[in-house]
PDB file of N, CA and C in Angstrom:
ATOM      1  N   MET A   1     135.199  45.036  54.498  1.00  0.00           N
ATOM      2  CA  MET A   1     135.469  45.958  53.519  1.00  0.00           C
ATOM      3  C   MET A   1     136.404  47.045  53.846  1.00  0.00           C
ATOM      4  N   MET A   2     136.091  47.757  54.888  1.00  0.00           N
ATOM      5  CA  MET A   2     137.080  49.041  55.153  1.00  0.00           C
ATOM      6  C   MET A   2     138.377  48.695  55.698  1.00  0.00           C
ATOM      7  N   LEU A   3     138.660  47.453  56.058  1.00  0.00           N
ATOM      8  CA  LEU A   3     139.802  46.750  56.727  1.00  0.00           C
ATOM      9  C   LEU A   3     140.845  46.742  55.370  1.00  0.00           C
ATOM     10  N   ASN A   4     140.270  46.664  54.338  1.00  0.00           N
ATOM     11  CA  ASN A   4     141.275  46.307  53.180  1.00  0.00           C
ATOM     12  C   ASN A   4     141.756  47.712  52.705  1.00  0.00           C
ATOM     13  N   LYS A   5     141.105  49.007  52.695  1.00  0.00           N
ATOM     14  CA  LYS A   5     141.451  50.153  52.186  1.00  0.00           C
ATOM     15  C   LYS A   5     142.335  51.099  53.473  1.00  0.00           C
ATOM     16  N   GLY A   6     142.988  50.454  54.410  1.00  0.00           N
ATOM     17  CA  GLY A   6     143.605  50.959  55.331  1.00  0.00           C
ATOM     18  C   GLY A   6     143.083  51.666  56.080  1.00  0.00           C
ATOM     19  N   VAL A   7     141.704  51.667  56.655  1.00  0.00           N
ATOM     20  CA  VAL A   7     140.895  52.162  57.881  1.00  0.00           C
ATOM     21  C   VAL A   7     141.119  51.315  59.080  1.00  0.00           C
ATOM     22  N   ASP A   8     141.385  52.102  59.944  1.00  0.00           N
ATOM     23  CA  ASP A   8     141.955  51.473  61.408  1.00  0.00           C
ATOM     24  C   ASP A   8     140.486  50.466  62.017  1.00  0.00           C
ATOM     25  N   ALA A   9     140.923  49.235  62.330  1.00  0.00           N
ATOM     26  CA  ALA A   9     139.840  48.460  63.001  1.00  0.00           C
ATOM     27  C   ALA A   9     138.869  49.312  63.884  1.00  0.00           C
ATOM     28  N   THR A  10     139.727  49.962  64.706  1.00  0.00           N
ATOM     29  CA  THR A  10     138.813  50.515  65.823  1.00  0.00           C
ATOM     30  C   THR A  10     137.791  51.688  65.485  1.00  0.00           C
ATOM     31  N   LEU A  11     138.201  52.476  64.420  1.00  0.00           N
ATOM     32  CA  LEU A  11     137.211  53.087  63.571  1.00  0.00           C
ATOM     33  C   LEU A  11     136.187  52.533  62.842  1.00  0.00           C
ATOM     34  N   THR A  12     136.485  51.299  62.479  1.00  0.00           N
ATOM     35  CA  THR A  12     135.414  50.548  61.829  1.00  0.00           C
ATOM     36  C   THR A  12     134.450  50.301  62.751  1.00  0.00           C
ATOM     37  N   LYS A  13     134.918  49.907  63.730  1.00  0.00           N
ATOM     38  CA  LYS A  13     134.091  49.348  64.936  1.00  0.00           C
ATOM     39  C   LYS A  13     133.119  50.647  65.663  1.00  0.00           C
ATOM     40  N   PHE A  14     133.620  51.694  65.843  1.00  0.00           N
ATOM     41  CA  PHE A  14     133.097  52.777  66.255  1.00  0.00           C
ATOM     42  C   PHE A  14     132.099  53.025  65.366  1.00  0.00           C
ATOM     43  N   LEU A  15     132.441  53.255  63.891  1.00  0.00           N
ATOM     44  CA  LEU A  15     131.629  53.764  62.734  1.00  0.00           C
ATOM     45  C   LEU A  15     130.309  52.667  63.046  1.00  0.00           C
ATOM     46  N   GLY A  16     130.527  51.403  63.109  1.00  0.00           N
ATOM     47  CA  GLY A  16     129.347  50.377  63.136  1.00  0.00           C
ATOM     48  C   GLY A  16     128.635  50.437  64.123  1.00  0.00           C
ATOM     49  N   SER A  17     129.036  51.004  65.480  1.00  0.00           N
ATOM     50  CA  SER A  17     128.383  51.114  66.688  1.00  0.00           C
ATOM     51  C   SER A  17     127.273  52.273  66.323  1.00  0.00           C
ATOM     52  N   ILE A  18     127.990  53.392  66.084  1.00  0.00           N
ATOM     53  CA  ILE A  18     127.173  54.682  65.632  1.00  0.00           C
ATOM     54  C   ILE A  18     125.950  54.445  64.651  1.00  0.00           C
ATOM     55  N   ILE A  19     126.176  53.743  63.767  1.00  0.00           N
ATOM     56  CA  ILE A  19     125.022  53.237  62.776  1.00  0.00           C
ATOM     57  C   ILE A  19     124.229  52.402  63.231  1.00  0.00           C
ATOM     58  N   LYS A  20     124.552  51.458  64.026  1.00  0.00           N
ATOM     59  CA  LYS A  20     123.487  50.617  64.719  1.00  0.00           C
ATOM     60  C   LYS A  20     122.497  51.489  65.566  1.00  0.00           C
ATOM     61  N   ILE A  21     123.272  52.314  66.572  1.00  0.00           N
ATOM     62  CA  ILE A  21     122.468  53.141  67.257  1.00  0.00           C
ATOM     63  C   ILE A  21     121.572  53.870  66.597  1.00  0.00           C
ATOM     64  N   GLY A  22     122.112  54.508  65.599  1.00  0.00           N
ATOM     65  CA  GLY A  22     121.422  55.333  64.759  1.00  0.00           C
ATOM     66  C   GLY A  22     119.885  54.612  64.152  1.00  0.00           C
ATOM     67  N   ILE A  23     120.143  53.623  63.465  1.00  0.00           N
ATOM     68  CA  ILE A  23     119.213  52.738  62.947  1.00  0.00           C
ATOM     69  C   ILE A  23     118.103  52.428  64.169  1.00  0.00           C
ATOM     70  N   ILE A  24     118.728  51.715  65.233  1.00  0.00           N
ATOM     71  CA  ILE A  24     117.677  51.687  66.590  1.00  0.00           C
ATOM     72  C   ILE A  24     116.790  52.782  66.923  1.00  0.00           C
ATOM     73  N   ALA A  25     117.452  53.785  66.792  1.00  0.00           N
ATOM     74  CA  ALA A  25     116.925  54.975  67.450  1.00  0.00           C
ATOM     75  C   ALA A  25     115.925  55.555  66.329  1.00  0.00           C
ATOM     76  N   PHE A  26     116.060  55.463  64.968  1.00  0.00           N
ATOM     77  CA  PHE A  26     115.284  55.485  63.977  1.00  0.00           C
ATOM     78  C   PHE A  26     114.125  54.807  63.973  1.00  0.00           C
ATOM     79  N   VAL A  27     114.266  53.366  64.276  1.00  0.00           N
ATOM     80  CA  VAL A  27     112.963  52.534  64.381  1.00  0.00           C
ATOM     81  C   VAL A  27     112.209  52.794  65.896  1.00  0.00           C
ATOM     82  N   VAL A  28     112.778  53.222  66.843  1.00  0.00           N
ATOM     83  CA  VAL A  28     111.960  53.464  67.862  1.00  0.00           C
ATOM     84  C   VAL A  28     111.199  54.600  67.596  1.00  0.00           C
ATOM     85  N   MET A  29     111.874  55.655  66.918  1.00  0.00           N
ATOM     86  CA  MET A  29     111.000  56.714  66.784  1.00  0.00           C
ATOM     87  C   MET A  29     109.602  56.553  65.711  1.00  0.00           C
ATOM     88  N   ALA A  30     110.250  55.684  64.775  1.00  0.00           N
ATOM     89  CA  ALA A  30     108.992  55.348  64.027  1.00  0.00           C
ATOM     90  C   ALA A  30     107.884  54.515  64.587  1.00  0.00           C
ATOM     91  N   VAL A  31     108.221  53.691  65.534  1.00  0.00           N
ATOM     92  CA  VAL A  31     107.212  52.848  66.341  1.00  0.00           C
ATOM     93  C   VAL A  31     106.402  53.992  67.115  1.00  0.00           C
ATOM     94  N   ILE A  32     107.071  54.668  67.862  1.00  0.00           N
ATOM     95  CA  ILE A  32     106.438  55.434  68.896  1.00  0.00           C
ATOM     96  C   ILE A  32     105.368  56.492  68.080  1.00  0.00           C
ATOM     97  N   SER A  33     105.844  56.925  66.612  1.00  0.00           N
ATOM     98  CA  SER A  33     105.213  57.976  66.161  1.00  0.00           C
ATOM     99  C   SER A  33     104.205  56.997  65.630  1.00  0.00           C
ATOM    100  N   ARG A  34     104.137  55.666  65.370  1.00  0.00           N
ATOM    101  CA  ARG A  34     102.798  54.827  64.436  1.00  0.00           C
ATOM    102  C   ARG A  34     102.021  54.635  65.703  1.00  0.00           C
ATOM    103  N   LEU A  35     102.263  54.478  66.966  1.00  0.00           N
ATOM    104  CA  LEU A  35     101.623  54.496  68.308  1.00  0.00           C
ATOM    105  C   LEU A  35     100.618  55.628  68.288  1.00  0.00           C
ATOM    106  N   GLY A  36     101.154  56.791  67.896  1.00  0.00           N
ATOM    107  CA  GLY A  36     100.370  58.200  67.980  1.00  0.00           C
ATOM    108  C   GLY A  36     100.757  59.051  69.260  1.00  0.00           C
ATOM    109  N   ILE A  37     102.061  58.832  69.491  1.00  0.00           N
ATOM    110  CA  ILE A  37     102.716  59.493  70.601  1.00  0.00           C
ATOM    111  C   ILE A  37     103.430  60.590  69.612  1.00  0.00           C
ATOM    112  N   GLU A  38     103.339  61.948  70.359  1.00  0.00           N
ATOM    113  CA  GLU A  38     103.987  62.898  69.654  1.00  0.00           C
ATOM    114  C   GLU A  38     105.425  62.673  69.929  1.00  0.00           C
ATOM    115  N   THR A  39     106.474  63.006  68.919  1.00  0.00           N
ATOM    116  CA  THR A  39     107.764  62.489  68.855  1.00  0.00           C
ATOM    117  C   THR A  39     108.699  64.099  68.686  1.00  0.00           C
ATOM    118  N   THR A  40     108.030  65.077  68.704  1.00  0.00           N
ATOM    119  CA  THR A  40     108.552  66.282  68.341  1.00  0.00           C
ATOM    120  C   THR A  40     109.821  66.677  69.706  1.00  0.00           C
ATOM    121  N   SER A  41     109.334  66.525  70.668  1.00  0.00           N
ATOM    122  CA  SER A  41     110.247  67.057  72.031  1.00  0.00           C
ATOM    123  C   SER A  41     111.327  66.021  71.981  1.00  0.00           C
ATOM    124  N   PHE A  42     110.989  64.393  71.982  1.00  0.00           N
ATOM    125  CA  PHE A  42     111.894  63.607  72.001  1.00  0.00           C
ATOM    126  C   PHE A  42     113.091  63.721  70.927  1.00  0.00           C
ATOM    127  N   VAL A  43     112.675  64.067  69.705  1.00  0.00           N
ATOM    128  CA  VAL A  43     113.807  64.230  68.642  1.00  0.00           C
ATOM    129  C   VAL A  43     114.492  65.460  68.853  1.00  0.00           C
ATOM    130  N   ALA A  44     114.164  66.745  69.562  1.00  0.00           N
ATOM    131  CA  ALA A  44     114.940  67.585  69.670  1.00  0.00           C
ATOM    132  C   ALA A  44     116.027  67.227  71.187  1.00  0.00           C
ATOM    133  N   VAL A  45     115.368  66.512  71.998  1.00  0.00           N
ATOM    134  CA  VAL A  45     116.344  66.008  73.162  1.00  0.00           C
ATOM    135  C   VAL A  45     117.251  64.922  72.100  1.00  0.00           C
ATOM    136  N   LEU A  46     116.942  64.388  71.539  1.00  0.00           N
ATOM    137  CA  LEU A  46     117.966  63.491  70.607  1.00  0.00           C
ATOM    138  C   LEU A  46     119.007  64.186  70.058  1.00  0.00           C
ATOM    139  N   GLY A  47     118.429  65.279  69.209  1.00  0.00           N
ATOM    140  CA  GLY A  47     119.567  66.190  68.417  1.00  0.00           C
ATOM    141  C   GLY A  47     120.518  66.882  69.701  1.00  0.00           C
ATOM    142  N   ALA A  48     119.751  67.236  70.757  1.00  0.00           N
ATOM    143  CA  ALA A  48     120.690  67.979  71.796  1.00  0.00           C
ATOM    144  C   ALA A  48     121.777  67.047  72.206  1.00  0.00           C
ATOM    145  N   VAL A  49     121.310  65.812  72.452  1.00  0.00           N
ATOM    146  CA  VAL A  49     122.203  64.821  73.147  1.00  0.00           C
ATOM    147  C   VAL A  49     123.423  64.537  71.906  1.00  0.00           C
ATOM    148  N   GLY A  50     123.055  64.484  70.522  1.00  0.00           N
ATOM    149  CA  GLY A  50     123.859  64.248  69.727  1.00  0.00           C
ATOM    150  C   GLY A  50     124.924  65.144  69.513  1.00  0.00           C
ATOM    151  N   LEU A  51     124.530  66.560  69.490  1.00  0.00           N
ATOM    152  CA  LEU A  51     125.458  67.619  69.591  1.00  0.00           C
ATOM    153  C   LEU A  51     126.154  67.401  70.382  1.00  0.00           C
ATOM    154  N   ALA A  52     125.871  67.167  71.897  1.00  0.00           N
ATOM    155  CA  ALA A  52     126.812  67.239  72.924  1.00  0.00           C
ATOM    156  C   ALA A  52     127.767  66.325  72.915  1.00  0.00           C
ATOM    157  N   ILE A  53     127.465  65.181  72.265  1.00  0.00           N
ATOM    158  CA  ILE A  53     128.237  63.969  72.294  1.00  0.00           C
ATOM    159  C   ILE A  53     129.300  64.305  71.131  1.00  0.00           C
ATOM    160  N   GLY A  54     129.180  64.991  69.999  1.00  0.00           N
ATOM    161  CA  GLY A  54     129.939  65.536  69.139  1.00  0.00           C
ATOM    162  C   GLY A  54     130.910  66.278  69.608  1.00  0.00           C
ATOM    163  N   PHE A  55     130.416  67.342  70.213  1.00  0.00           N
ATOM    164  CA  PHE A  55     131.488  68.422  71.109  1.00  0.00           C
ATOM    165  C   PHE A  55     132.521  67.510  71.687  1.00  0.00           C
ATOM    166  N   ALA A  56     131.713  66.832  72.797  1.00  0.00           N
ATOM    167  CA  ALA A  56     132.800  65.825  73.851  1.00  0.00           C
ATOM    168  C   ALA A  56     133.983  65.123  72.810  1.00  0.00           C
ATOM    169  N   LEU A  57     133.466  64.519  71.697  1.00  0.00           N
ATOM    170  CA  LEU A  57     134.284  63.693  70.938  1.00  0.00           C
ATOM    171  C   LEU A  57     135.115  64.578  70.097  1.00  0.00           C
ATOM    172  N   GLN A  58     135.141  65.666  69.794  1.00  0.00           N
ATOM    173  CA  GLN A  58     135.745  66.547  68.761  1.00  0.00           C
ATOM    174  C   GLN A  58     137.122  66.402  68.882  1.00  0.00           C
ATOM    175  N   GLY A  59     137.436  66.602  70.302  1.00  0.00           N
ATOM    176  CA  GLY A  59     139.137  66.546  70.463  1.00  0.00           C
ATOM    177  C   GLY A  59     139.512  64.973  70.200  1.00  0.00           C
ATOM    178  N   SER A  60     139.024  63.895  70.386  1.00  0.00           N
ATOM    179  CA  SER A  60     139.384  62.676  70.428  1.00  0.00           C
ATOM    180  C   SER A  60     139.364  62.133  68.740  1.00  0.00           C
ATOM    181  N   LEU A  61     138.324  62.529  68.327  1.00  0.00           N
ATOM    182  CA  LEU A  61     138.550  62.303  66.870  1.00  0.00           C
ATOM    183  C   LEU A  61     139.062  63.008  66.006  1.00  0.00           C
ATOM    184  N   SER A  62     139.679  64.388  66.147  1.00  0.00           N
ATOM    185  CA  SER A  62     140.561  65.113  65.201  1.00  0.00           C
ATOM    186  C   SER A  62     141.873  64.326  65.275  1.00  0.00           C
ATOM    187  N   ASN A  63     142.359  63.661  66.126  1.00  0.00           N
ATOM    188  CA  ASN A  63     143.315  62.893  66.274  1.00  0.00           C
ATOM    189  C   ASN A  63     143.786  61.714  65.320  1.00  0.00           C
ATOM    190  N   ILE A  64     142.504  61.233  64.614  1.00  0.00           N
ATOM    191  CA  ILE A  64     142.518  59.985  63.730  1.00  0.00           C
ATOM    192  C   ILE A  64     142.908  60.357  62.474  1.00  0.00           C
TER     193      ILE A  64
END
């Protein structure tokens, strides 16, 4: 669908990967929480990792 609107195929694949990883992380967090394990610190670590990745990719994504 995105390919018809002039969006680069690489960007489409990249966004698909990001969405897939996000869904997997959400499901894993839901399962861990359902098992009764405290997830607050894990969510904080995931947030920090996401922020670090965002800053690392800032230069690369600004050229798109």
